[in-house]
Amino acid sequence: MNKPRDNELADQPHDHNQRSSRSYEINGQWYFELRGGGQKGPYDSKQEMQADLNEFIQLHEHMNQQNP
């Protein structure tokens, strides 16, 4: 079994299509963490942040498929 990240609960179900553990809210502004450090944001809503995160993940998955 995989060890959960520090910000995840061990008994929390994991949905690998949505990386909610990479997102967070500060003072009404939404951000998501990038692998290797850094962040993207702020976004005015969780929905706006999630849409950009999904696009970001798809772009990087596509790039990884092009450059094996």
N, C-alpha and C. Protein backbone atom coordinates (compact mmCIF):
# COMPACT_ATOMS: atom_id res chain seq x y z
N MET A 1 0.85 -1.19 0.00
CA MET A 1 0.00 0.00 0.00
C MET A 1 0.88 1.24 0.00
N ASN A 2 0.50 2.24 -0.74
CA ASN A 2 1.27 3.47 -0.82
C ASN A 2 1.07 4.32 0.42
N LYS A 3 2.13 4.95 0.86
CA LYS A 3 2.05 5.86 1.99
C LYS A 3 1.41 7.16 1.50
N PRO A 4 0.41 7.70 2.22
CA PRO A 4 -0.21 8.94 1.79
C PRO A 4 0.76 10.11 1.91
N ARG A 5 0.55 11.13 1.10
CA ARG A 5 1.32 12.36 1.22
C ARG A 5 1.01 13.00 2.56
N ASP A 6 1.86 13.89 3.00
CA ASP A 6 1.68 14.53 4.30
C ASP A 6 0.33 15.22 4.43
N ASN A 7 -0.20 15.75 3.33
CA ASN A 7 -1.46 16.49 3.39
C ASN A 7 -2.67 15.62 3.05
N GLU A 8 -2.51 14.30 3.00
CA GLU A 8 -3.61 13.39 2.71
C GLU A 8 -3.90 12.53 3.94
N LEU A 9 -5.14 12.16 4.10
CA LEU A 9 -5.52 11.25 5.16
C LEU A 9 -5.36 9.82 4.68
N ALA A 10 -4.89 8.93 5.54
CA ALA A 10 -4.63 7.55 5.15
C ALA A 10 -5.89 6.84 4.69
N ASP A 11 -7.05 7.15 5.30
CA ASP A 11 -8.28 6.45 4.95
C ASP A 11 -9.08 7.18 3.88
N GLN A 12 -8.53 8.24 3.31
CA GLN A 12 -9.22 9.02 2.28
C GLN A 12 -9.10 8.31 0.94
N PRO A 13 -10.23 8.12 0.22
CA PRO A 13 -10.13 7.48 -1.09
C PRO A 13 -9.37 8.38 -2.06
N HIS A 14 -8.62 7.75 -2.96
CA HIS A 14 -7.82 8.50 -3.92
C HIS A 14 -8.45 8.42 -5.29
N ASP A 15 -8.70 9.56 -5.89
CA ASP A 15 -9.18 9.65 -7.27
C ASP A 15 -8.05 10.26 -8.07
N HIS A 16 -7.33 9.42 -8.82
CA HIS A 16 -6.15 9.90 -9.52
C HIS A 16 -6.48 10.79 -10.70
N ASN A 17 -7.75 10.89 -11.10
CA ASN A 17 -8.13 11.80 -12.16
C ASN A 17 -8.29 13.22 -11.65
N GLN A 18 -8.52 13.37 -10.37
CA GLN A 18 -8.60 14.69 -9.77
C GLN A 18 -7.56 14.76 -8.68
N ARG A 19 -6.64 15.68 -8.81
CA ARG A 19 -5.54 15.79 -7.88
C ARG A 19 -5.86 16.83 -6.82
N SER A 20 -6.97 16.63 -6.09
CA SER A 20 -7.40 17.63 -5.13
C SER A 20 -6.37 17.84 -4.04
N SER A 21 -5.53 16.84 -3.75
CA SER A 21 -4.52 17.01 -2.72
C SER A 21 -3.46 18.02 -3.14
N ARG A 22 -3.42 18.38 -4.41
CA ARG A 22 -2.47 19.37 -4.90
C ARG A 22 -3.06 20.77 -4.86
N SER A 23 -4.31 20.91 -4.48
CA SER A 23 -4.95 22.22 -4.49
C SER A 23 -5.21 22.70 -3.07
N TYR A 24 -5.25 24.01 -2.93
CA TYR A 24 -5.53 24.60 -1.63
C TYR A 24 -6.07 26.01 -1.81
N GLU A 25 -6.68 26.53 -0.75
CA GLU A 25 -7.31 27.84 -0.77
C GLU A 25 -6.71 28.69 0.33
N ILE A 26 -6.37 29.92 -0.02
CA ILE A 26 -5.86 30.89 0.96
C ILE A 26 -6.60 32.20 0.74
N ASN A 27 -7.29 32.66 1.77
CA ASN A 27 -8.01 33.94 1.71
C ASN A 27 -8.91 34.06 0.49
N GLY A 28 -9.62 32.98 0.17
CA GLY A 28 -10.57 33.00 -0.94
C GLY A 28 -9.95 32.84 -2.32
N GLN A 29 -8.65 32.65 -2.40
CA GLN A 29 -7.95 32.44 -3.66
C GLN A 29 -7.45 31.00 -3.72
N TRP A 30 -7.58 30.38 -4.89
CA TRP A 30 -7.22 28.96 -5.07
C TRP A 30 -5.90 28.82 -5.81
N TYR A 31 -5.13 27.81 -5.43
CA TYR A 31 -3.82 27.51 -6.00
C TYR A 31 -3.69 26.01 -6.17
N PHE A 32 -2.73 25.57 -7.01
CA PHE A 32 -2.33 24.17 -7.01
C PHE A 32 -0.82 24.08 -7.07
N GLU A 33 -0.30 23.02 -6.45
CA GLU A 33 1.13 22.81 -6.38
C GLU A 33 1.63 22.09 -7.62
N LEU A 34 2.82 22.44 -8.04
CA LEU A 34 3.48 21.79 -9.15
C LEU A 34 4.46 20.75 -8.61
N ARG A 35 4.64 19.67 -9.32
CA ARG A 35 5.65 18.70 -8.92
C ARG A 35 7.00 19.37 -9.00
N GLY A 36 7.84 19.08 -8.04
CA GLY A 36 9.16 19.68 -8.02
C GLY A 36 9.18 21.06 -7.39
N GLY A 37 8.05 21.47 -6.86
CA GLY A 37 7.96 22.76 -6.19
C GLY A 37 7.26 23.80 -7.04
N GLY A 38 6.88 24.86 -6.43
CA GLY A 38 6.18 25.93 -7.12
C GLY A 38 4.68 25.77 -7.03
N GLN A 39 3.99 26.76 -7.54
CA GLN A 39 2.54 26.76 -7.50
C GLN A 39 2.00 27.55 -8.67
N LYS A 40 0.73 27.31 -9.00
CA LYS A 40 0.02 28.10 -10.00
C LYS A 40 -1.19 28.70 -9.32
N GLY A 41 -1.45 29.93 -9.64
CA GLY A 41 -2.57 30.64 -9.07
C GLY A 41 -2.16 32.07 -8.83
N PRO A 42 -3.00 32.87 -8.31
CA PRO A 42 -4.29 32.52 -7.71
C PRO A 42 -5.42 32.46 -8.73
N TYR A 43 -6.45 31.69 -8.36
CA TYR A 43 -7.69 31.58 -9.12
C TYR A 43 -8.81 32.07 -8.23
N ASP A 44 -9.81 32.67 -8.83
CA ASP A 44 -10.93 33.22 -8.06
C ASP A 44 -11.88 32.16 -7.54
N SER A 45 -11.88 30.97 -8.17
CA SER A 45 -12.79 29.92 -7.72
C SER A 45 -12.10 28.56 -7.80
N LYS A 46 -12.61 27.62 -7.04
CA LYS A 46 -12.08 26.26 -7.09
C LYS A 46 -12.32 25.65 -8.47
N GLN A 47 -13.45 25.96 -9.08
CA GLN A 47 -13.77 25.42 -10.40
C GLN A 47 -12.78 25.92 -11.45
N GLU A 48 -12.43 27.21 -11.41
CA GLU A 48 -11.46 27.78 -12.34
C GLU A 48 -10.08 27.12 -12.14
N MET A 49 -9.68 26.95 -10.89
CA MET A 49 -8.41 26.31 -10.58
C MET A 49 -8.41 24.87 -11.06
N GLN A 50 -9.50 24.12 -10.80
CA GLN A 50 -9.57 22.71 -11.18
C GLN A 50 -9.52 22.55 -12.70
N ALA A 51 -10.17 23.44 -13.43
CA ALA A 51 -10.15 23.37 -14.89
C ALA A 51 -8.73 23.58 -15.41
N ASP A 52 -8.00 24.55 -14.85
CA ASP A 52 -6.63 24.80 -15.29
C ASP A 52 -5.71 23.65 -14.87
N LEU A 53 -5.92 23.10 -13.69
CA LEU A 53 -5.13 21.95 -13.23
C LEU A 53 -5.33 20.77 -14.16
N ASN A 54 -6.57 20.48 -14.52
CA ASN A 54 -6.85 19.36 -15.43
C ASN A 54 -6.17 19.58 -16.78
N GLU A 55 -6.24 20.81 -17.30
CA GLU A 55 -5.58 21.14 -18.56
C GLU A 55 -4.06 20.98 -18.44
N PHE A 56 -3.51 21.43 -17.34
CA PHE A 56 -2.07 21.32 -17.07
C PHE A 56 -1.64 19.86 -17.05
N ILE A 57 -2.41 19.00 -16.38
CA ILE A 57 -2.09 17.58 -16.30
C ILE A 57 -2.17 16.94 -17.68
N GLN A 58 -3.21 17.25 -18.43
CA GLN A 58 -3.36 16.69 -19.78
C GLN A 58 -2.20 17.11 -20.68
N LEU A 59 -1.80 18.36 -20.60
CA LEU A 59 -0.69 18.85 -21.41
C LEU A 59 0.59 18.08 -21.09
N HIS A 60 0.86 17.90 -19.81
CA HIS A 60 2.09 17.19 -19.42
C HIS A 60 2.02 15.71 -19.74
N GLU A 61 0.85 15.11 -19.65
CA GLU A 61 0.72 13.71 -20.05
C GLU A 61 0.96 13.58 -21.55
N HIS A 62 0.44 14.51 -22.33
CA HIS A 62 0.64 14.50 -23.78
C HIS A 62 2.13 14.68 -24.11
N MET A 63 2.79 15.60 -23.42
CA MET A 63 4.21 15.83 -23.66
C MET A 63 5.03 14.59 -23.30
N ASN A 64 4.67 13.90 -22.23
CA ASN A 64 5.38 12.68 -21.84
C ASN A 64 5.18 11.57 -22.84
N GLN A 65 4.02 11.51 -23.49
CA GLN A 65 3.78 10.50 -24.51
C GLN A 65 4.59 10.80 -25.77
N GLN A 66 4.81 12.07 -26.07
CA GLN A 66 5.58 12.47 -27.24
C GLN A 66 7.08 12.27 -27.04
N ASN A 67 7.53 12.34 -25.80
CA ASN A 67 8.96 12.23 -25.48
C ASN A 67 9.18 11.09 -24.49
N PRO A 68 9.08 9.83 -24.93
CA PRO A 68 9.23 8.70 -24.00
C PRO A 68 10.63 8.56 -23.46
